[in-house]
Amino acid sequence: MYTPLSEAAEEEGDFNVVAKVTQIVNRDYYTADIRLKDISKTTWFLTVSRRKFPRIQEGSIVKIRSVNIDTETERER
């Protein structure tokens, strides 16, 4: 069962997401910022470990299990 990103803010606890990677920005040797967009046309940003996920490419469809929302970090768009 998957949650659309447009409804994710109302979720309590963790949830699953299926989305398309639209942009990858490598911050340093260990981390990358990834922009995702799903079928609801909502865009979200992730920070992931490049060492743990070295094969992520722009344009690919990814399934992410057990997502939690970071409410402490605010990001300008």
C-alpha atoms as a PDB file:
ATOM      1  CA  MET A   1       0.000   0.000   0.000  1.00  0.00           C
ATOM      2  CA  TYR A   2       1.408   3.405  -1.005  1.00  0.00           C
ATOM      3  CA  THR A   3       0.641   6.953   0.059  1.00  0.00           C
ATOM      4  CA  PRO A   4       0.480   9.771  -2.528  1.00  0.00           C
ATOM      5  CA  LEU A   5       2.928  12.548  -1.618  1.00  0.00           C
ATOM      6  CA  SER A   6       0.083  15.066  -1.641  1.00  0.00           C
ATOM      7  CA  GLU A   7      -1.486  13.184   1.311  1.00  0.00           C
ATOM      8  CA  ALA A   8       1.728  12.325   3.152  1.00  0.00           C
ATOM      9  CA  ALA A   9       1.636  15.274   5.551  1.00  0.00           C
ATOM     10  CA  GLU A  10      -1.462  13.798   7.214  1.00  0.00           C
ATOM     11  CA  GLU A  11       0.163  10.391   7.746  1.00  0.00           C
ATOM     12  CA  GLU A  12       1.134   9.358  11.237  1.00  0.00           C
ATOM     13  CA  GLY A  13       4.279   7.293  11.505  1.00  0.00           C
ATOM     14  CA  ASP A  14       5.968   5.818   8.448  1.00  0.00           C
ATOM     15  CA  PHE A  15       4.544   5.159   4.964  1.00  0.00           C
ATOM     16  CA  ASN A  16       5.592   3.853   1.533  1.00  0.00           C
ATOM     17  CA  VAL A  17       6.146   5.978  -1.602  1.00  0.00           C
ATOM     18  CA  VAL A  18       6.489   5.233  -5.342  1.00  0.00           C
ATOM     19  CA  ALA A  19       7.865   8.208  -7.283  1.00  0.00           C
ATOM     20  CA  LYS A  20      10.074   9.299 -10.177  1.00  0.00           C
ATOM     21  CA  VAL A  21      13.527  10.783  -9.542  1.00  0.00           C
ATOM     22  CA  THR A  22      13.558  14.143 -11.342  1.00  0.00           C
ATOM     23  CA  GLN A  23      16.887  15.562 -10.134  1.00  0.00           C
ATOM     24  CA  ILE A  24      19.997  14.432  -8.241  1.00  0.00           C
ATOM     25  CA  VAL A  25      22.468  16.899  -6.729  1.00  0.00           C
ATOM     26  CA  ASN A  26      25.600  15.391  -5.186  1.00  0.00           C
ATOM     27  CA  ARG A  27      26.497  17.435  -2.114  1.00  0.00           C
ATOM     28  CA  ASP A  28      29.705  15.605  -1.250  1.00  0.00           C
ATOM     29  CA  TYR A  29      31.254  12.143  -1.490  1.00  0.00           C
ATOM     30  CA  TYR A  30      28.760  10.681   0.982  1.00  0.00           C
ATOM     31  CA  THR A  31      25.384  12.397   0.447  1.00  0.00           C
ATOM     32  CA  ALA A  32      23.071  13.480  -2.366  1.00  0.00           C
ATOM     33  CA  ASP A  33      19.888  15.546  -2.527  1.00  0.00           C
ATOM     34  CA  ILE A  34      17.183  13.927  -4.632  1.00  0.00           C
ATOM     35  CA  ARG A  35      13.997  15.504  -5.988  1.00  0.00           C
ATOM     36  CA  LEU A  36      10.996  13.170  -6.360  1.00  0.00           C
ATOM     37  CA  LYS A  37       7.648  13.629  -8.088  1.00  0.00           C
ATOM     38  CA  ASP A  38       4.798  11.118  -7.917  1.00  0.00           C
ATOM     39  CA  ILE A  39       1.493  10.630  -9.727  1.00  0.00           C
ATOM     40  CA  SER A  40      -0.133  13.389  -7.637  1.00  0.00           C
ATOM     41  CA  LYS A  41       2.415  15.845  -9.198  1.00  0.00           C
ATOM     42  CA  THR A  42       3.753  16.724  -5.750  1.00  0.00           C
ATOM     43  CA  THR A  43       7.509  17.317  -5.455  1.00  0.00           C
ATOM     44  CA  TRP A  44       9.505  16.238  -2.416  1.00  0.00           C
ATOM     45  CA  PHE A  45      13.200  16.338  -1.548  1.00  0.00           C
ATOM     46  CA  LEU A  46      15.318  13.610   0.053  1.00  0.00           C
ATOM     47  CA  THR A  47      18.834  13.456   1.393  1.00  0.00           C
ATOM     48  CA  VAL A  48      20.320   9.993   0.874  1.00  0.00           C
ATOM     49  CA  SER A  49      23.615   8.233   1.350  1.00  0.00           C
ATOM     50  CA  ARG A  50      25.496   7.897  -1.957  1.00  0.00           C
ATOM     51  CA  ARG A  51      27.429   4.933  -0.554  1.00  0.00           C
ATOM     52  CA  LYS A  52      24.251   3.036   0.347  1.00  0.00           C
ATOM     53  CA  PHE A  53      22.348   3.932  -2.877  1.00  0.00           C
ATOM     54  CA  PRO A  54      24.981   4.321  -5.622  1.00  0.00           C
ATOM     55  CA  ARG A  55      22.743   3.284  -8.550  1.00  0.00           C
ATOM     56  CA  ILE A  56      19.976   5.892  -8.292  1.00  0.00           C
ATOM     57  CA  GLN A  57      19.619   7.758 -11.591  1.00  0.00           C
ATOM     58  CA  GLU A  58      17.503  10.659 -12.822  1.00  0.00           C
ATOM     59  CA  GLY A  59      14.360   9.496 -14.601  1.00  0.00           C
ATOM     60  CA  SER A  60      14.095   6.202 -12.727  1.00  0.00           C
ATOM     61  CA  ILE A  61      11.042   5.087 -10.762  1.00  0.00           C
ATOM     62  CA  VAL A  62      11.818   4.201  -7.152  1.00  0.00           C
ATOM     63  CA  LYS A  63       9.897   2.511  -4.370  1.00  0.00           C
ATOM     64  CA  ILE A  64      10.801   3.770  -0.908  1.00  0.00           C
ATOM     65  CA  ARG A  65       9.641   1.888   2.143  1.00  0.00           C
ATOM     66  CA  SER A  66       9.137   3.251   5.622  1.00  0.00           C
ATOM     67  CA  VAL A  67       9.401   7.010   4.924  1.00  0.00           C
ATOM     68  CA  ASN A  68       9.294   9.488   7.798  1.00  0.00           C
ATOM     69  CA  ILE A  69       8.748  13.231   7.409  1.00  0.00           C
ATOM     70  CA  ASP A  70      11.441  15.510   8.869  1.00  0.00           C
ATOM     71  CA  THR A  71       9.428  18.357  10.366  1.00  0.00           C
ATOM     72  CA  GLU A  72      12.453  20.072  11.932  1.00  0.00           C
ATOM     73  CA  THR A  73      14.196  21.017   8.673  1.00  0.00           C
ATOM     74  CA  GLU A  74      12.755  23.787   6.532  1.00  0.00           C
ATOM     75  CA  ARG A  75      13.865  23.994   2.914  1.00  0.00           C
ATOM     76  CA  GLU A  76      13.450  26.912   0.545  1.00  0.00           C
ATOM     77  CA  ARG A  77      12.169  26.038  -2.906  1.00  0.00           C
END
